């Protein structure tokens, strides 16, 4: 929307007013569902004031979700034209609607919110953080320009570097070098190679990693840790496509694509004279920034399942565990997720990982869900720390979730039915009301 401002000189200036409509199309994406075929399905949320209904079998009012634990009409989402935001309202569902782990009646939704209804988890999204990046990477892959990947440790920079190599059309190898792990006095020999007798202990000639990557891609991880004294030699490789092994009297041509990665601000490092400005300019022809995993919630469960498939185990997650994974902030990104999945692959005894099993290997991840269900984390000595809920609402939620099935509620609480009966009597709750 715009308005026109007329001045004395009859010129016209258009002043753009803020739009109340969302800048991008907004969707709900199913991340977890009892029916696997529904995972990944997206529902468009148009900027209309008419509420859009979601439930188990709302075919006329909105998209049905194949989850028997959802109410027929579970929640509605409407667009607020005044604030330009979407609002979720629970439709008096049997077991409630949860946003980011909190039960809600009415809630304004934000990008990245996780919604739980029944045994289904949905994500509010208006953009895929990795889709645009991957599209840019695919455009960059076939060029000869050097690419610098920036992002937090463990965010997936090497995965992106491998994608760049795979899509580059180059037939040579992908050679990865971690500049932070090679001893400083050996780095020159590792990168550029050496000839026999070049230094004490050089009994044979050795091909360097730069030459090994000929025809392919050289990936320099943690490039900010490259010593200043080795940077001119690398700059020579980038400028002239020539490499001189240590002790050699001539240079050898190489044809390679250089992709580097860093978790520090290289521009700041150049200003502090910790990194050569001319080398930075050569490495950063194209800069791609990898977002942290906590902003890529749609990828958490797919990446976890990919790691599981590589481990050789056939396990999956129940809804509580999947929700805990989605709500965790992943300070160490994909590496942390990988370590967790490896632990679960070893210690999980059942095909479906429960939140109690998750608590055994990652108590902090499981704690919010365990607390919501009225459970405590097992103590270090293995004693049962399961505690009956003190909240009437918590017990109501469990009864609703299990449709009044006391055996399931008792099993969830880790207690006997006798204790459960006492608690039901204390809170004046009748399980028949939830069946």
Protein backbone atom coordinates (compact mmCIF):
# COMPACT_ATOMS: atom_id res chain seq x y z
CA UNK A 1 0.00 0.00 0.00
CA UNK A 2 1.31 3.50 -0.72
CA UNK A 3 0.18 7.09 -0.57
CA UNK A 4 1.17 10.10 -2.66
CA UNK A 5 2.50 13.32 -1.16
CA UNK A 6 2.09 16.41 -3.37
CA UNK A 7 4.60 19.21 -2.96
CA UNK A 8 4.54 22.84 -4.19
CA UNK A 9 6.75 21.95 -7.16
CA UNK A 10 4.18 19.35 -8.21
CA UNK A 11 6.65 16.48 -7.79
CA UNK A 12 5.26 13.26 -6.39
CA UNK A 13 6.95 11.16 -3.72
CA UNK A 14 5.69 7.68 -2.97
CA UNK A 15 5.92 6.74 0.72
CA UNK A 16 5.69 2.99 1.34
CA UNK A 17 3.63 2.17 4.40
CA UNK A 18 4.22 -1.01 6.44
CA UNK A 19 2.20 -3.92 5.14
CA UNK A 20 0.17 -5.98 7.58
CA UNK A 21 0.43 -9.04 5.35
CA UNK A 22 3.28 -11.54 5.87
CA UNK A 23 6.26 -10.94 3.58
CA UNK A 24 6.48 -14.63 2.69
CA UNK A 25 4.02 -17.47 2.41
CA UNK A 26 3.62 -19.14 5.79
CA UNK A 27 3.20 -22.88 6.34
CA UNK A 28 2.72 -25.52 8.98
CA UNK A 29 5.00 -28.48 8.28
CA UNK A 30 4.47 -31.91 9.86
CA UNK A 31 7.75 -33.03 11.45
CA UNK A 32 6.49 -36.08 13.36
CA UNK A 33 3.28 -38.08 13.02
CA UNK A 34 2.04 -41.61 13.80
CA UNK A 35 1.48 -42.06 10.04
CA UNK A 36 4.94 -41.76 8.50
CA UNK A 37 3.57 -40.85 5.08
CA UNK A 38 2.25 -37.58 6.52
CA UNK A 39 5.70 -36.39 7.64
CA UNK A 40 6.85 -33.46 5.53
CA UNK A 41 3.34 -32.43 4.48
CA UNK A 42 2.90 -28.64 4.49
CA UNK A 43 -0.25 -26.60 4.99
CA UNK A 44 -0.41 -23.07 3.61
CA UNK A 45 -1.64 -20.41 6.04
CA UNK A 46 -3.14 -17.66 3.87
CA UNK A 47 -3.41 -14.12 5.32
CA UNK A 48 -7.17 -14.36 5.73
CA UNK A 49 -9.24 -13.55 8.77
CA UNK A 50 -11.30 -16.73 8.40
CA UNK A 51 -9.74 -19.25 10.82
CA UNK A 52 -8.17 -22.36 9.33
CA UNK A 53 -9.08 -25.50 11.26
CA UNK A 54 -6.80 -28.45 11.98
CA UNK A 55 -7.79 -31.81 13.35
CA UNK A 56 -8.04 -35.53 12.90
CA UNK A 57 -10.67 -35.51 10.15
CA UNK A 58 -11.55 -31.90 9.29
CA UNK A 59 -11.83 -32.47 5.56
CA UNK A 60 -14.27 -29.62 4.91
CA UNK A 61 -12.87 -26.92 7.19
CA UNK A 62 -9.19 -27.67 6.71
CA UNK A 63 -6.57 -30.34 6.10
CA UNK A 64 -7.07 -33.57 8.07
CA UNK A 65 -4.09 -34.96 9.97
CA UNK A 66 -3.99 -38.78 10.29
CA UNK A 67 -3.42 -38.87 14.06
CA UNK A 68 -5.93 -40.88 16.15
CA UNK A 69 -4.76 -39.04 19.28
CA UNK A 70 -5.91 -35.67 17.93
CA UNK A 71 -9.40 -34.38 18.44
CA UNK A 72 -11.61 -34.18 15.37
CA UNK A 73 -11.22 -30.39 15.59
CA UNK A 74 -8.07 -29.75 17.56
CA UNK A 75 -6.99 -26.14 16.95
CA UNK A 76 -7.55 -23.19 14.67
CA UNK A 77 -5.13 -20.65 13.20
CA UNK A 78 -6.25 -17.21 12.09
CA UNK A 79 -4.48 -14.17 10.67
CA UNK A 80 -4.49 -10.95 12.69
CA UNK A 81 -4.59 -8.11 10.18
CA UNK A 82 -3.67 -5.51 12.81
CA UNK A 83 -0.40 -7.13 13.87
CA UNK A 84 0.34 -9.05 10.67
CA UNK A 85 0.77 -12.25 12.68
CA UNK A 86 -0.94 -15.63 12.98
CA UNK A 87 -2.71 -16.74 16.15
CA UNK A 88 -3.37 -20.26 17.31
CA UNK A 89 -6.40 -21.11 19.41
CA UNK A 90 -7.08 -24.48 20.99
CA UNK A 91 -10.57 -25.76 20.02
CA UNK A 92 -11.35 -27.37 23.40
CA UNK A 93 -9.32 -30.39 22.29
CA UNK A 94 -9.30 -33.53 24.40
CA UNK A 95 -5.59 -33.48 25.25
CA UNK A 96 -4.64 -29.87 24.61
CA UNK A 97 -2.39 -27.97 22.22
CA UNK A 98 1.20 -27.18 23.07
CA UNK A 99 3.55 -24.56 21.63
CA UNK A 100 7.27 -24.88 22.37
CA UNK A 101 6.49 -27.20 25.27
CA UNK A 102 3.81 -25.03 26.90
CA UNK A 103 0.10 -25.75 26.90
CA UNK A 104 -1.81 -22.87 25.32
CA UNK A 105 -5.37 -21.72 24.81
CA UNK A 106 -4.52 -18.71 22.61
CA UNK A 107 -1.05 -17.90 21.34
CA UNK A 108 0.59 -15.67 18.74
CA UNK A 109 2.82 -17.82 16.57
CA UNK A 110 6.38 -17.01 15.52
CA UNK A 111 8.75 -18.42 12.94
CA UNK A 112 10.18 -21.70 14.23
CA UNK A 113 7.46 -22.45 16.80
CA UNK A 114 6.87 -26.17 17.43
CA UNK A 115 3.21 -27.14 17.85
CA UNK A 116 2.15 -30.42 19.43
CA UNK A 117 -1.35 -31.80 19.07
CA UNK A 118 -1.94 -35.42 19.98
CA UNK A 119 1.09 -37.35 18.76
CA UNK A 120 1.82 -34.94 15.91
CA UNK A 121 4.51 -32.24 15.87
CA UNK A 122 4.27 -29.34 13.45
CA UNK A 123 6.59 -26.44 12.64
CA UNK A 124 5.56 -22.87 11.87
CA UNK A 125 7.75 -21.69 9.00
CA UNK A 126 7.77 -19.04 6.32
CA UNK A 127 11.16 -19.99 4.93
CA UNK A 128 13.51 -22.93 4.95
CA UNK A 129 16.84 -21.61 6.36
CA UNK A 130 18.82 -24.09 4.27
CA UNK A 131 16.80 -24.00 1.04
CA UNK A 132 18.08 -20.60 -0.09
CA UNK A 133 21.61 -21.48 1.04
CA UNK A 134 21.55 -24.77 -0.85
CA UNK A 135 20.25 -23.00 -3.96
CA UNK A 136 23.12 -20.50 -3.71
CA UNK A 137 25.59 -23.35 -3.17
CA UNK A 138 24.35 -25.17 -6.28
CA UNK A 139 24.85 -22.00 -8.33
CA UNK A 140 28.33 -21.57 -6.89
CA UNK A 141 29.34 -25.22 -7.28
CA UNK A 142 30.06 -25.14 -11.01
CA UNK A 143 32.11 -21.94 -10.87
CA UNK A 144 35.86 -21.83 -10.29
CA UNK A 145 35.57 -19.22 -7.55
CA UNK A 146 36.90 -19.97 -4.09
CA UNK A 147 34.16 -20.36 -1.50
CA UNK A 148 34.38 -19.42 2.19
CA UNK A 149 31.92 -21.16 4.51
CA UNK A 150 31.19 -19.34 7.76
CA UNK A 151 29.31 -20.74 10.72
CA UNK A 152 29.45 -22.09 14.24
CA UNK A 153 31.47 -25.18 15.06
CA UNK A 154 29.58 -28.31 14.07
CA UNK A 155 26.96 -26.47 12.00
CA UNK A 156 27.66 -28.58 8.90
CA UNK A 157 30.33 -26.68 6.99
CA UNK A 158 32.08 -29.84 5.81
CA UNK A 159 28.77 -31.30 4.64
CA UNK A 160 28.27 -28.15 2.55
CA UNK A 161 31.82 -28.38 1.21
CA UNK A 162 31.16 -31.96 0.10
CA UNK A 163 27.97 -30.84 -1.63
CA UNK A 164 29.92 -28.14 -3.48
CA UNK A 165 32.41 -30.77 -4.63
CA UNK A 166 29.75 -33.30 -5.65
CA UNK A 167 27.92 -30.73 -7.76
CA UNK A 168 31.05 -29.12 -9.22
CA UNK A 169 31.55 -31.66 -12.00
CA UNK A 170 35.20 -32.01 -11.00
CA UNK A 171 36.51 -35.57 -11.33
CA UNK A 172 39.38 -35.31 -8.84
CA UNK A 173 39.16 -36.16 -5.12
CA UNK A 174 37.72 -34.20 -2.21
CA UNK A 175 40.66 -33.62 0.15
CA UNK A 176 39.86 -32.22 3.61
CA UNK A 177 42.50 -30.51 5.74
CA UNK A 178 41.89 -29.38 9.32
CA UNK A 179 44.36 -26.54 9.73
CA UNK A 180 43.90 -26.57 13.51
CA UNK A 181 44.96 -30.18 14.09
CA UNK A 182 48.20 -30.38 12.06
CA UNK A 183 51.28 -29.41 14.12
CA UNK A 184 52.61 -26.02 13.08
CA UNK A 185 56.06 -27.32 12.12
CA UNK A 186 54.55 -30.03 9.89
CA UNK A 187 51.84 -27.99 8.18
CA UNK A 188 54.02 -26.82 5.27
CA UNK A 189 55.07 -30.37 4.46
CA UNK A 190 51.50 -31.68 4.83
CA UNK A 191 50.06 -29.03 2.52
CA UNK A 192 52.75 -28.64 -0.11
CA UNK A 193 54.81 -31.82 0.21
CA UNK A 194 58.60 -32.11 0.29
CA UNK A 195 61.47 -33.69 -1.60
CA UNK A 196 63.94 -36.16 -0.18
CA UNK A 197 66.54 -34.47 1.99
CA UNK A 198 64.59 -31.22 2.26
CA UNK A 199 65.01 -31.29 6.05
CA UNK A 200 66.23 -33.61 8.77
CA UNK A 201 64.19 -36.81 8.68
CA UNK A 202 62.94 -36.35 5.11
CA UNK A 203 64.22 -39.72 3.90
CA UNK A 204 61.76 -39.87 1.00
CA UNK A 205 59.82 -37.42 -1.09
CA UNK A 206 56.18 -36.86 -0.13
CA UNK A 207 53.21 -35.55 -2.07
CA UNK A 208 51.35 -32.73 -0.32
CA UNK A 209 47.61 -32.48 0.16
CA UNK A 210 47.40 -29.60 -2.33
CA UNK A 211 48.84 -31.81 -5.07
CA UNK A 212 46.65 -34.73 -3.97
CA UNK A 213 43.58 -32.56 -4.58
CA UNK A 214 44.63 -31.89 -8.19
CA UNK A 215 41.55 -32.01 -10.41
CA UNK A 216 39.26 -31.93 -7.39
CA UNK A 217 38.49 -29.85 -4.30
CA UNK A 218 40.78 -28.83 -1.44
CA UNK A 219 38.76 -28.17 1.72
CA UNK A 220 40.60 -26.06 4.31
CA UNK A 221 38.69 -26.40 7.57
CA UNK A 222 39.44 -23.98 10.44
CA UNK A 223 41.41 -21.88 7.95
CA UNK A 224 41.76 -19.06 10.51
CA UNK A 225 44.27 -21.29 12.33
CA UNK A 226 46.62 -21.34 9.33
CA UNK A 227 49.95 -19.87 10.58
CA UNK A 228 50.92 -16.53 9.08
CA UNK A 229 54.22 -17.91 7.79
CA UNK A 230 52.40 -20.55 5.69
CA UNK A 231 49.86 -18.16 4.23
CA UNK A 232 52.08 -16.71 1.43
CA UNK A 233 52.66 -20.19 -0.02
CA UNK A 234 48.93 -20.87 -0.07
CA UNK A 235 48.33 -17.47 -1.65
CA UNK A 236 50.79 -18.43 -4.40
CA UNK A 237 48.79 -21.61 -5.07
CA UNK A 238 45.57 -19.62 -5.36
CA UNK A 239 47.04 -16.87 -7.54
CA UNK A 240 49.19 -18.90 -9.92
CA UNK A 241 47.85 -22.47 -9.59
CA UNK A 242 51.41 -23.53 -8.83
CA UNK A 243 52.78 -25.42 -5.82
CA UNK A 244 56.41 -25.84 -4.77
CA UNK A 245 57.16 -28.75 -2.41
CA UNK A 246 59.60 -27.91 0.39
CA UNK A 247 63.15 -28.27 -0.91
CA UNK A 248 62.11 -28.45 -4.58
CA UNK A 249 63.76 -26.21 -7.18
CA UNK A 250 60.68 -25.82 -9.38
CA UNK A 251 56.95 -25.43 -9.13
CA UNK A 252 54.29 -27.88 -10.25
CA UNK A 253 50.98 -26.77 -11.80
CA UNK A 254 47.79 -27.80 -10.00
CA UNK A 255 44.15 -27.52 -10.97
CA UNK A 256 41.96 -27.39 -7.90
CA UNK A 257 38.94 -25.72 -6.35
CA UNK A 258 39.50 -24.32 -2.86
CA UNK A 259 36.70 -24.30 -0.30
CA UNK A 260 37.57 -23.04 3.17
CA UNK A 261 35.65 -22.83 6.42
CA UNK A 262 35.89 -20.84 9.61
CA UNK A 263 33.95 -20.21 12.81
CA UNK A 264 35.62 -16.85 13.45
CA UNK A 265 35.28 -13.44 11.82
CA UNK A 266 38.10 -13.38 9.27
CA UNK A 267 37.51 -9.72 8.46
CA UNK A 268 38.19 -8.89 12.11
CA UNK A 269 41.25 -11.18 12.03
CA UNK A 270 42.66 -9.28 9.05
CA UNK A 271 42.19 -5.95 10.83
CA UNK A 272 44.01 -7.40 13.83
CA UNK A 273 46.87 -8.59 11.53
CA UNK A 274 46.14 -12.21 12.48
CA UNK A 275 45.29 -13.17 8.90
CA UNK A 276 46.61 -11.84 5.59
CA UNK A 277 44.14 -9.54 3.89
CA UNK A 278 45.22 -10.60 0.39
CA UNK A 279 44.72 -14.27 1.26
CA UNK A 280 41.30 -13.54 2.74
CA UNK A 281 40.34 -11.78 -0.51
CA UNK A 282 41.38 -14.87 -2.47
CA UNK A 283 39.50 -17.29 -0.21
CA UNK A 284 36.29 -15.24 0.01
CA UNK A 285 35.28 -14.81 -3.62
CA UNK A 286 31.95 -16.29 -2.53
CA UNK A 287 30.84 -16.36 1.10
CA UNK A 288 28.14 -18.76 2.32
CA UNK A 289 26.94 -18.54 5.92
CA UNK A 290 25.71 -21.77 7.50
CA UNK A 291 22.93 -21.11 10.05
CA UNK A 292 23.14 -22.92 13.40
CA UNK A 293 21.07 -26.07 13.90
CA UNK A 294 18.78 -24.39 16.45
CA UNK A 295 17.38 -22.20 13.65
CA UNK A 296 16.88 -25.22 11.36
CA UNK A 297 14.30 -27.20 13.34
CA UNK A 298 12.88 -28.82 10.20
CA UNK A 299 16.25 -30.56 9.71
CA UNK A 300 16.83 -31.93 13.21
CA UNK A 301 14.83 -35.16 12.92
CA UNK A 302 15.87 -35.94 9.29
CA UNK A 303 19.56 -35.47 10.20
CA UNK A 304 19.08 -37.63 13.29
CA UNK A 305 17.52 -40.40 11.19
CA UNK A 306 20.34 -40.11 8.65
CA UNK A 307 22.86 -40.62 11.45
CA UNK A 308 20.85 -43.60 12.72
CA UNK A 309 20.91 -45.22 9.28
CA UNK A 310 24.71 -44.91 9.17
CA UNK A 311 24.98 -46.52 12.62
CA UNK A 312 23.36 -49.74 11.45
CA UNK A 313 20.57 -49.61 14.07
CA UNK A 314 16.86 -49.46 13.28
CA UNK A 315 15.48 -47.12 15.91
CA UNK A 316 13.13 -44.16 15.87
CA UNK A 317 11.73 -41.70 18.42
CA UNK A 318 8.45 -41.56 20.27
CA UNK A 319 6.68 -38.20 20.22
CA UNK A 320 8.06 -37.05 23.58
CA UNK A 321 11.64 -37.73 22.48
CA UNK A 322 11.12 -36.10 19.08
CA UNK A 323 9.68 -33.02 20.81
CA UNK A 324 12.64 -32.86 23.19
CA UNK A 325 15.05 -32.98 20.24
CA UNK A 326 13.20 -30.19 18.45
CA UNK A 327 13.11 -27.90 21.49
CA UNK A 328 16.78 -28.28 22.46
CA UNK A 329 19.06 -25.37 21.51
CA UNK A 330 21.99 -27.54 20.25
CA UNK A 331 24.97 -25.38 21.34
CA UNK A 332 27.38 -27.74 19.53
CA UNK A 333 25.12 -28.15 16.51
CA UNK A 334 25.25 -31.30 14.37
CA UNK A 335 28.25 -32.73 16.23
CA UNK A 336 26.23 -32.73 19.44
CA UNK A 337 23.28 -34.39 17.68
CA UNK A 338 25.62 -36.98 16.19
CA UNK A 339 27.12 -37.81 19.60
CA UNK A 340 23.64 -38.15 21.11
CA UNK A 341 22.41 -40.48 18.36
CA UNK A 342 25.49 -42.65 18.71
CA UNK A 343 24.82 -42.99 22.46
CA UNK A 344 21.16 -43.84 21.87
CA UNK A 345 22.14 -46.39 19.23
CA UNK A 346 24.30 -48.15 21.79
CA UNK A 347 22.12 -47.92 24.90
CA UNK A 348 18.54 -47.96 23.57
CA UNK A 349 17.00 -51.40 24.02
CA UNK A 350 13.77 -50.79 22.11
CA UNK A 351 13.07 -49.87 18.48
CA UNK A 352 11.44 -46.62 19.61
CA UNK A 353 13.44 -44.39 21.93
CA UNK A 354 11.40 -43.15 24.89
CA UNK A 355 11.99 -39.92 26.75
CA UNK A 356 13.13 -41.98 29.76
CA UNK A 357 15.85 -43.57 27.62
CA UNK A 358 16.76 -40.11 26.33
CA UNK A 359 17.08 -38.95 29.94
CA UNK A 360 19.58 -41.75 30.56
CA UNK A 361 22.06 -40.31 28.07
CA UNK A 362 21.04 -36.62 27.89
CA UNK A 363 19.22 -35.52 31.08
CA UNK A 364 19.11 -31.82 30.14
CA UNK A 365 17.35 -32.56 26.84
CA UNK A 366 14.74 -34.74 28.48
CA UNK A 367 14.15 -32.65 31.61
CA UNK A 368 11.44 -30.27 30.26
CA UNK A 369 9.31 -33.12 28.88
CA UNK A 370 9.87 -35.30 31.96
CA UNK A 371 8.86 -32.43 34.24
CA UNK A 372 5.73 -31.79 32.18
CA UNK A 373 4.73 -35.44 32.57
CA UNK A 374 5.38 -35.33 36.31
CA UNK A 375 8.55 -37.43 36.11
CA UNK A 376 12.02 -36.93 37.49
CA UNK A 377 15.33 -37.93 35.91
CA UNK A 378 16.80 -41.17 37.21
CA UNK A 379 19.49 -40.63 39.79
CA UNK A 380 23.11 -41.52 39.13
CA UNK A 381 22.93 -44.65 41.35
CA UNK A 382 20.03 -46.00 39.31
CA UNK A 383 17.35 -45.50 41.95
CA UNK A 384 13.90 -44.79 40.60
CA UNK A 385 13.34 -41.08 40.83
CA UNK A 386 9.93 -41.14 39.20
CA UNK A 387 7.59 -38.94 41.16
CA UNK A 388 3.84 -38.65 41.05
CA UNK A 389 2.70 -35.28 39.75
CA UNK A 390 1.65 -32.76 42.34
CA UNK A 391 -0.38 -30.80 39.82
CA UNK A 392 -3.96 -31.73 39.02
CA UNK A 393 -3.50 -30.29 35.53
CA UNK A 394 -0.51 -32.56 34.87
CA UNK A 395 -2.54 -35.60 35.81
CA UNK A 396 -5.46 -34.41 33.66
CA UNK A 397 -3.10 -34.06 30.71
CA UNK A 398 -1.84 -37.63 31.16
CA UNK A 399 -5.37 -39.00 31.45
CA UNK A 400 -6.37 -37.14 28.30
CA UNK A 401 -3.27 -38.27 26.44
CA UNK A 402 -3.93 -41.94 27.25
CA UNK A 403 -7.74 -41.66 27.02
CA UNK A 404 -8.27 -42.67 30.64
CA UNK A 405 -6.16 -45.85 30.32
CA UNK A 406 -4.83 -46.16 33.87
CA UNK A 407 -2.30 -48.85 32.96
CA UNK A 408 -0.68 -46.50 30.45
CA UNK A 409 -0.78 -43.54 32.85
CA UNK A 410 0.81 -45.62 35.62
CA UNK A 411 3.46 -46.91 33.21
CA UNK A 412 4.27 -43.35 32.11
CA UNK A 413 4.61 -42.27 35.74
CA UNK A 414 6.65 -45.33 36.67
CA UNK A 415 4.33 -46.16 39.58
CA UNK A 416 1.71 -48.71 40.64
CA UNK A 417 -2.00 -48.39 39.98
CA UNK A 418 -2.65 -48.35 43.73
CA UNK A 419 -0.73 -45.09 44.09
CA UNK A 420 -2.44 -43.73 41.01
CA UNK A 421 -5.89 -44.47 42.45
CA UNK A 422 -4.97 -42.52 45.58
CA UNK A 423 -3.90 -39.54 43.49
CA UNK A 424 -7.08 -39.66 41.39
CA UNK A 425 -9.15 -39.65 44.57
CA UNK A 426 -7.12 -36.75 45.96
CA UNK A 427 -7.76 -34.61 42.87
CA UNK A 428 -11.35 -35.82 42.35
CA UNK A 429 -10.63 -37.07 38.84
CA UNK A 430 -12.65 -39.82 37.14
CA UNK A 431 -10.79 -41.69 34.37
CA UNK A 432 -14.13 -42.44 32.67
CA UNK A 433 -14.42 -38.74 31.83
CA UNK A 434 -11.40 -39.09 29.50
CA UNK A 435 -12.45 -42.21 27.63
